[in-house]
Each structure stands twice: as structure tokens, then as C-alpha cells.
Amino acid sequence: MATPTIRPATPRDAVHLAMLVDMAAKGLASHFWRGMAEPGQSPLEVGRARALRDEGAFSWRNAHVAEVDGEVAGALIGYVIDDPVDVSGLEGANPIVRDLTLLEARAPGHWYVNVLAAYPEYRGRGVGSLLLKHADTVGKAATQSGMAIIVASQNTGARRLYERLGYRFVARRPVVDPSGLAGSGDWLLLTKPHA
């Protein structure tokens, strides 16, 4: 395999971003998108439209793409967490959104790795590690507070990768998901200082 390269995302990457977000979320993103869809609109079309936005957390402007031989292999989406995080109005929010927001609130000002994903054929080939190292560079340029990431407790492979790259456990919240798509266990907030 050729060495992956990383570049800022463009609007042309929106469909890849939507697919990779849904992969990283194990179908949870498309579950939310299905509820947002207009009649005749697929969940992927909703995800693509959201990725095409110029603002918001899930925007092509917050994304970086890994390519191998000119093909998209994976993506990173991240941004600086608000300081402080606005947690008002979470009482009626979806439990997953509520709990992830409450964990983000534990790392104000950190650069948050919101999505890190690679297509299956590129997994285990260093794409994720390269994207995380790129996240460090982007995060260090954006904020002095450090880095943050949230991972499901059952995702032991990803957690090992994050810990190998210097992330450490800070807080947890139990997964509360009436749909059952997120599984069980806990959401884990990991952070690390800039090197």
C-alpha cells in the first residue's frame, strides 16, 4: 500500500464524510438522519447535506481526508470544544446527544476528535494513526488546552490506539440509547496535553 497522504476536506468529499461518520458511529448517524429526512430523502442524503454545510460541528470545513493512491481511505473531523460548553436545554435532548455533550463539557477549549474513521480495506494499515497525528498538529495550532476524544468502552481496539498515542481516561457516562444501536457500556472521555 502506498503511504497515505492527508489533505483538508472539500465539499466534494461530503458523501465520503457522511459514509465514514456513519461507519464510525456503527449506524447511529444514519438512525438520526432517518428522523431528519424529508419524504423521499435517504439518510445518506441527509448526512451528505449536513457535511456540505459551512458551519456546525459536522461540516466539511472541520474535516481532513486521508488518501491512498488518490482514493479516500479515511477521515478526521474535529474542532475546538466551546469554553464553556452550553449545556442548557439538554433536558429534552436525545440521551446520546445529552451524554456526549456533558462529556465534552469536561474538556472545554480542547481540540475534539469528533470522528476518526477509515474504510474497511484501509484499516490496520496506519491510516488511523496518521490521522490522529495530524489531529495533534491541527489541534496544537488551534488551542493550547490539549486534545480530547470520546470512545465507547467496548471499542477496545480504538481505545488502545488512543492510549498508545498519549490519551488518558478522564470521565465516563453510561450509554443510554433507547434504539439499542449504540450498544451498552460507557462513553469514555480521553484527553491529552499537547507535546
C-alpha atoms as a PDB file:
ATOM      1  CA  MET A   1       0.000   0.000   0.000  1.00  0.00           C
ATOM      2  CA  ALA A   2       1.230   3.468  -0.835  1.00  0.00           C
ATOM      3  CA  THR A   3       1.831   5.882   2.011  1.00  0.00           C
ATOM      4  CA  PRO A   4      -1.376   7.709   2.924  1.00  0.00           C
ATOM      5  CA  THR A   5      -1.472  11.481   2.488  1.00  0.00           C
ATOM      6  CA  ILE A   6      -3.727  13.902   4.319  1.00  0.00           C
ATOM      7  CA  ARG A   7      -5.425  16.973   2.941  1.00  0.00           C
ATOM      8  CA  PRO A   8      -8.175  19.344   4.074  1.00  0.00           C
ATOM      9  CA  ALA A   9     -11.611  18.140   3.026  1.00  0.00           C
ATOM     10  CA  THR A  10     -13.556  19.922   0.295  1.00  0.00           C
ATOM     11  CA  PRO A  11     -17.293  19.928  -0.438  1.00  0.00           C
ATOM     12  CA  ARG A  12     -16.621  17.161  -2.995  1.00  0.00           C
ATOM     13  CA  ASP A  13     -15.820  14.866  -0.032  1.00  0.00           C
ATOM     14  CA  ALA A  14     -19.273  15.252   1.561  1.00  0.00           C
ATOM     15  CA  VAL A  15     -20.550  11.786   0.624  1.00  0.00           C
ATOM     16  CA  HIS A  16     -17.347  10.162   1.938  1.00  0.00           C
ATOM     17  CA  LEU A  17     -17.635  12.153   5.152  1.00  0.00           C
ATOM     18  CA  ALA A  18     -21.242  11.026   5.623  1.00  0.00           C
ATOM     19  CA  MET A  19     -20.376   7.375   4.981  1.00  0.00           C
ATOM     20  CA  LEU A  20     -17.331   7.453   7.279  1.00  0.00           C
ATOM     21  CA  VAL A  21     -19.245   9.214  10.073  1.00  0.00           C
ATOM     22  CA  ASP A  22     -21.928   6.533   9.875  1.00  0.00           C
ATOM     23  CA  MET A  23     -19.291   3.773   9.918  1.00  0.00           C
ATOM     24  CA  ALA A  24     -17.588   5.292  12.942  1.00  0.00           C
ATOM     25  CA  ALA A  25     -20.963   5.579  14.683  1.00  0.00           C
ATOM     26  CA  LYS A  26     -21.907   1.994  13.777  1.00  0.00           C
ATOM     27  CA  GLY A  27     -25.092   3.138  12.012  1.00  0.00           C
ATOM     28  CA  LEU A  28     -26.170   5.566  14.711  1.00  0.00           C
ATOM     29  CA  ALA A  29     -25.685   8.595  12.448  1.00  0.00           C
ATOM     30  CA  SER A  30     -27.988   7.205   9.771  1.00  0.00           C
ATOM     31  CA  HIS A  31     -30.530   6.439  12.522  1.00  0.00           C
ATOM     32  CA  PHE A  32     -30.566  10.151  13.442  1.00  0.00           C
ATOM     33  CA  TRP A  33     -30.524  11.221   9.795  1.00  0.00           C
ATOM     34  CA  ARG A  34     -33.507   8.989   9.034  1.00  0.00           C
ATOM     35  CA  GLY A  35     -35.508  11.005  11.567  1.00  0.00           C
ATOM     36  CA  MET A  36     -34.427  14.257   9.880  1.00  0.00           C
ATOM     37  CA  ALA A  37     -35.158  13.130   6.318  1.00  0.00           C
ATOM     38  CA  GLU A  38     -37.802  14.731   4.153  1.00  0.00           C
ATOM     39  CA  PRO A  39     -40.151  12.384   2.281  1.00  0.00           C
ATOM     40  CA  GLY A  40     -38.174  10.527  -0.377  1.00  0.00           C
ATOM     41  CA  GLN A  41     -34.801  11.566   1.074  1.00  0.00           C
ATOM     42  CA  SER A  42     -32.400   8.838   2.217  1.00  0.00           C
ATOM     43  CA  PRO A  43     -30.412   9.048   5.461  1.00  0.00           C
ATOM     44  CA  LEU A  44     -27.190   9.247   3.426  1.00  0.00           C
ATOM     45  CA  GLU A  45     -28.565  12.253   1.534  1.00  0.00           C
ATOM     46  CA  VAL A  46     -29.252  13.963   4.877  1.00  0.00           C
ATOM     47  CA  GLY A  47     -25.722  13.169   6.048  1.00  0.00           C
ATOM     48  CA  ARG A  48     -24.238  14.488   2.820  1.00  0.00           C
ATOM     49  CA  ALA A  49     -26.277  17.698   3.104  1.00  0.00           C
ATOM     50  CA  ARG A  50     -25.078  18.156   6.680  1.00  0.00           C
ATOM     51  CA  ALA A  51     -21.448  17.615   5.638  1.00  0.00           C
ATOM     52  CA  LEU A  52     -21.908  20.266   2.931  1.00  0.00           C
ATOM     53  CA  ARG A  53     -22.802  22.931   5.492  1.00  0.00           C
ATOM     54  CA  ASP A  54     -20.246  25.675   6.014  1.00  0.00           C
ATOM     55  CA  GLU A  55     -20.831  25.755   9.770  1.00  0.00           C
ATOM     56  CA  GLY A  56     -21.651  23.308  12.546  1.00  0.00           C
ATOM     57  CA  ALA A  57     -19.553  20.545  14.034  1.00  0.00           C
ATOM     58  CA  PHE A  58     -20.222  18.115  11.176  1.00  0.00           C
ATOM     59  CA  SER A  59     -19.040  20.269   8.289  1.00  0.00           C
ATOM     60  CA  TRP A  60     -16.523  19.681   5.549  1.00  0.00           C
ATOM     61  CA  ARG A  61     -14.672  22.720   6.955  1.00  0.00           C
ATOM     62  CA  ASN A  62     -13.840  20.718  10.121  1.00  0.00           C
ATOM     63  CA  ALA A  63     -12.658  17.657   8.206  1.00  0.00           C
ATOM     64  CA  HIS A  64      -9.417  16.229   6.862  1.00  0.00           C
ATOM     65  CA  VAL A  65      -9.223  13.314   4.459  1.00  0.00           C
ATOM     66  CA  ALA A  66      -6.624  10.560   4.175  1.00  0.00           C
ATOM     67  CA  GLU A  67      -5.977   9.354   0.642  1.00  0.00           C
ATOM     68  CA  VAL A  68      -4.123   6.364  -0.725  1.00  0.00           C
ATOM     69  CA  ASP A  69      -3.268   6.444  -4.419  1.00  0.00           C
ATOM     70  CA  GLY A  70      -5.805   9.243  -4.931  1.00  0.00           C
ATOM     71  CA  GLU A  71      -8.661   7.332  -3.259  1.00  0.00           C
ATOM     72  CA  VAL A  72     -10.289   8.422   0.009  1.00  0.00           C
ATOM     73  CA  ALA A  73      -9.167   5.985   2.718  1.00  0.00           C
ATOM     74  CA  GLY A  74     -10.424   7.699   5.859  1.00  0.00           C
ATOM     75  CA  ALA A  75     -11.343  10.956   7.510  1.00  0.00           C
ATOM     76  CA  LEU A  76     -10.908  13.033  10.618  1.00  0.00           C
ATOM     77  CA  ILE A  77     -13.468  15.562  11.845  1.00  0.00           C
ATOM     78  CA  GLY A  78     -12.588  17.789  14.757  1.00  0.00           C
ATOM     79  CA  TYR A  79     -12.921  21.217  16.282  1.00  0.00           C
ATOM     80  CA  VAL A  80     -12.238  23.207  19.438  1.00  0.00           C
ATOM     81  CA  ILE A  81     -14.810  22.493  22.153  1.00  0.00           C
ATOM     82  CA  ASP A  82     -16.579  25.637  23.343  1.00  0.00           C
ATOM     83  CA  ASP A  83     -15.329  27.117  26.609  1.00  0.00           C
ATOM     84  CA  PRO A  84     -17.664  26.858  28.382  1.00  0.00           C
ATOM     85  CA  VAL A  85     -19.932  24.304  26.718  1.00  0.00           C
ATOM     86  CA  ASP A  86     -23.583  25.369  26.712  1.00  0.00           C
ATOM     87  CA  VAL A  87     -25.429  22.575  28.498  1.00  0.00           C
ATOM     88  CA  SER A  88     -28.705  24.456  28.888  1.00  0.00           C
ATOM     89  CA  GLY A  89     -31.628  22.857  27.146  1.00  0.00           C
ATOM     90  CA  LEU A  90     -30.245  19.318  27.329  1.00  0.00           C
ATOM     91  CA  GLU A  91     -33.173  18.069  29.432  1.00  0.00           C
ATOM     92  CA  GLY A  92     -35.258  17.191  26.368  1.00  0.00           C
ATOM     93  CA  ALA A  93     -32.348  16.222  24.111  1.00  0.00           C
ATOM     94  CA  ASN A  94     -31.725  12.739  22.806  1.00  0.00           C
ATOM     95  CA  PRO A  95     -29.897  10.850  25.602  1.00  0.00           C
ATOM     96  CA  ILE A  96     -26.877  10.156  23.383  1.00  0.00           C
ATOM     97  CA  VAL A  97     -26.528  13.810  22.386  1.00  0.00           C
ATOM     98  CA  ARG A  98     -27.010  14.853  26.023  1.00  0.00           C
ATOM     99  CA  ASP A  99     -24.388  12.480  27.405  1.00  0.00           C
ATOM    100  CA  LEU A 100     -21.787  13.207  24.721  1.00  0.00           C
ATOM    101  CA  THR A 101     -22.297  16.951  25.235  1.00  0.00           C
ATOM    102  CA  LEU A 102     -21.889  16.550  29.000  1.00  0.00           C
ATOM    103  CA  LEU A 103     -18.616  14.704  28.430  1.00  0.00           C
ATOM    104  CA  GLU A 104     -17.408  17.394  26.013  1.00  0.00           C
ATOM    105  CA  ALA A 105     -18.166  19.918  28.767  1.00  0.00           C
ATOM    106  CA  ARG A 106     -15.467  18.192  30.836  1.00  0.00           C
ATOM    107  CA  ALA A 107     -12.819  19.274  28.282  1.00  0.00           C
ATOM    108  CA  PRO A 108     -13.592  22.923  27.466  1.00  0.00           C
ATOM    109  CA  GLY A 109     -11.214  24.515  24.993  1.00  0.00           C
ATOM    110  CA  HIS A 110      -9.702  21.183  23.916  1.00  0.00           C
ATOM    111  CA  TRP A 111      -9.447  20.199  20.255  1.00  0.00           C
ATOM    112  CA  TYR A 112     -12.006  17.413  19.958  1.00  0.00           C
ATOM    113  CA  VAL A 113     -11.504  14.450  17.657  1.00  0.00           C
ATOM    114  CA  ASN A 114     -15.195  14.060  16.847  1.00  0.00           C
ATOM    115  CA  VAL A 115     -14.819  11.420  14.121  1.00  0.00           C
ATOM    116  CA  LEU A 116     -11.917   9.210  13.131  1.00  0.00           C
ATOM    117  CA  ALA A 117     -12.716   6.530  10.574  1.00  0.00           C
ATOM    118  CA  ALA A 118     -11.177   4.510   7.768  1.00  0.00           C
ATOM    119  CA  TYR A 119     -12.851   2.395   5.143  1.00  0.00           C
ATOM    120  CA  PRO A 120     -12.559  -1.326   5.994  1.00  0.00           C
ATOM    121  CA  GLU A 121      -9.998  -2.060   3.281  1.00  0.00           C
ATOM    122  CA  TYR A 122      -7.627   0.534   4.796  1.00  0.00           C
ATOM    123  CA  ARG A 123      -7.931  -0.461   8.456  1.00  0.00           C
ATOM    124  CA  GLY A 124      -4.858  -1.830  10.196  1.00  0.00           C
ATOM    125  CA  ARG A 125      -2.586  -0.011   7.740  1.00  0.00           C
ATOM    126  CA  GLY A 126      -1.726   3.079   9.773  1.00  0.00           C
ATOM    127  CA  VAL A 127      -4.406   5.402   8.381  1.00  0.00           C
ATOM    128  CA  GLY A 128      -5.973   5.979  11.824  1.00  0.00           C
ATOM    129  CA  SER A 129      -2.623   6.633  13.490  1.00  0.00           C
ATOM    130  CA  LEU A 130      -1.630   9.056  10.748  1.00  0.00           C
ATOM    131  CA  LEU A 131      -4.948  10.918  11.062  1.00  0.00           C
ATOM    132  CA  LEU A 132      -4.548  11.142  14.846  1.00  0.00           C
ATOM    133  CA  LYS A 133      -1.038  12.535  14.485  1.00  0.00           C
ATOM    134  CA  HIS A 134      -2.436  15.055  12.021  1.00  0.00           C
ATOM    135  CA  ALA A 135      -5.128  15.919  14.577  1.00  0.00           C
ATOM    136  CA  ASP A 136      -2.348  16.726  17.054  1.00  0.00           C
ATOM    137  CA  THR A 137      -0.819  19.188  14.601  1.00  0.00           C
ATOM    138  CA  VAL A 138      -4.152  20.858  13.830  1.00  0.00           C
ATOM    139  CA  GLY A 139      -5.175  20.872  17.493  1.00  0.00           C
ATOM    140  CA  LYS A 140      -1.915  22.382  18.694  1.00  0.00           C
ATOM    141  CA  ALA A 141      -2.255  25.215  16.174  1.00  0.00           C
ATOM    142  CA  ALA A 142      -5.864  25.858  17.264  1.00  0.00           C
ATOM    143  CA  THR A 143      -5.688  25.725  21.070  1.00  0.00           C
ATOM    144  CA  GLN A 144      -3.271  25.334  23.966  1.00  0.00           C
ATOM    145  CA  SER A 145      -5.759  23.318  26.051  1.00  0.00           C
ATOM    146  CA  GLY A 146      -4.893  19.903  24.609  1.00  0.00           C
ATOM    147  CA  MET A 147      -6.751  17.150  22.804  1.00  0.00           C
ATOM    148  CA  ALA A 148      -9.953  15.230  23.601  1.00  0.00           C
ATOM    149  CA  ILE A 149     -11.746  12.210  22.210  1.00  0.00           C
ATOM    150  CA  ILE A 150     -14.769  10.139  23.248  1.00  0.00           C
ATOM    151  CA  VAL A 151     -14.833   6.387  22.647  1.00  0.00           C
ATOM    152  CA  ALA A 152     -17.274   3.601  23.520  1.00  0.00           C
ATOM    153  CA  SER A 153     -15.897   1.353  26.264  1.00  0.00           C
ATOM    154  CA  GLN A 154     -16.468  -1.728  24.067  1.00  0.00           C
ATOM    155  CA  ASN A 155     -14.252  -0.306  21.319  1.00  0.00           C
ATOM    156  CA  THR A 156     -11.091  -1.679  22.895  1.00  0.00           C
ATOM    157  CA  GLY A 157      -9.032  -1.510  19.695  1.00  0.00           C
ATOM    158  CA  ALA A 158      -9.636   2.210  19.255  1.00  0.00           C
ATOM    159  CA  ARG A 159      -9.045   2.871  22.948  1.00  0.00           C
ATOM    160  CA  ARG A 160      -5.690   1.058  22.790  1.00  0.00           C
ATOM    161  CA  LEU A 161      -4.701   3.196  19.784  1.00  0.00           C
ATOM    162  CA  TYR A 162      -5.661   6.412  21.582  1.00  0.00           C
ATOM    163  CA  GLU A 163      -3.832   5.416  24.765  1.00  0.00           C
ATOM    164  CA  ARG A 164      -0.739   4.409  22.781  1.00  0.00           C
ATOM    165  CA  LEU A 165      -0.743   7.945  21.346  1.00  0.00           C
ATOM    166  CA  GLY A 166      -0.940   9.553  24.805  1.00  0.00           C
ATOM    167  CA  TYR A 167      -4.667   9.914  25.542  1.00  0.00           C
ATOM    168  CA  ARG A 168      -5.729   9.161  29.134  1.00  0.00           C
ATOM    169  CA  PHE A 169      -9.105   8.466  30.738  1.00  0.00           C
ATOM    170  CA  VAL A 170     -10.857  11.479  32.319  1.00  0.00           C
ATOM    171  CA  ALA A 171     -14.569  10.674  32.717  1.00  0.00           C
ATOM    172  CA  ARG A 172     -17.332   8.272  31.745  1.00  0.00           C
ATOM    173  CA  ARG A 173     -21.076   8.287  31.249  1.00  0.00           C
ATOM    174  CA  PRO A 174     -23.217   5.201  30.748  1.00  0.00           C
ATOM    175  CA  VAL A 175     -24.553   4.678  27.253  1.00  0.00           C
ATOM    176  CA  VAL A 176     -28.283   5.422  27.308  1.00  0.00           C
ATOM    177  CA  ASP A 177     -29.755   4.588  23.914  1.00  0.00           C
ATOM    178  CA  PRO A 178     -33.412   3.618  23.602  1.00  0.00           C
ATOM    179  CA  SER A 179     -32.800   2.498  19.993  1.00  0.00           C
ATOM    180  CA  GLY A 180     -30.166  -0.026  21.081  1.00  0.00           C
ATOM    181  CA  LEU A 181     -27.849   0.990  18.207  1.00  0.00           C
ATOM    182  CA  ALA A 182     -25.133   2.452  20.444  1.00  0.00           C
ATOM    183  CA  GLY A 183     -24.971  -0.763  22.449  1.00  0.00           C
ATOM    184  CA  SER A 184     -24.273  -0.808  26.153  1.00  0.00           C
ATOM    185  CA  GLY A 185     -21.322   0.069  28.315  1.00  0.00           C
ATOM    186  CA  ASP A 186     -19.962   3.562  28.767  1.00  0.00           C
ATOM    187  CA  TRP A 187     -18.829   6.570  26.770  1.00  0.00           C
ATOM    188  CA  LEU A 188     -15.253   7.362  27.814  1.00  0.00           C
ATOM    189  CA  LEU A 189     -13.709  10.815  27.591  1.00  0.00           C
ATOM    190  CA  LEU A 190      -9.946  10.698  26.988  1.00  0.00           C
ATOM    191  CA  THR A 191      -7.691  13.746  26.860  1.00  0.00           C
ATOM    192  CA  LYS A 192      -4.030  14.504  26.409  1.00  0.00           C
ATOM    193  CA  PRO A 193      -1.903  17.607  26.708  1.00  0.00           C
ATOM    194  CA  HIS A 194      -0.026  18.916  23.699  1.00  0.00           C
ATOM    195  CA  ALA A 195       3.515  17.600  23.438  1.00  0.00           C
END
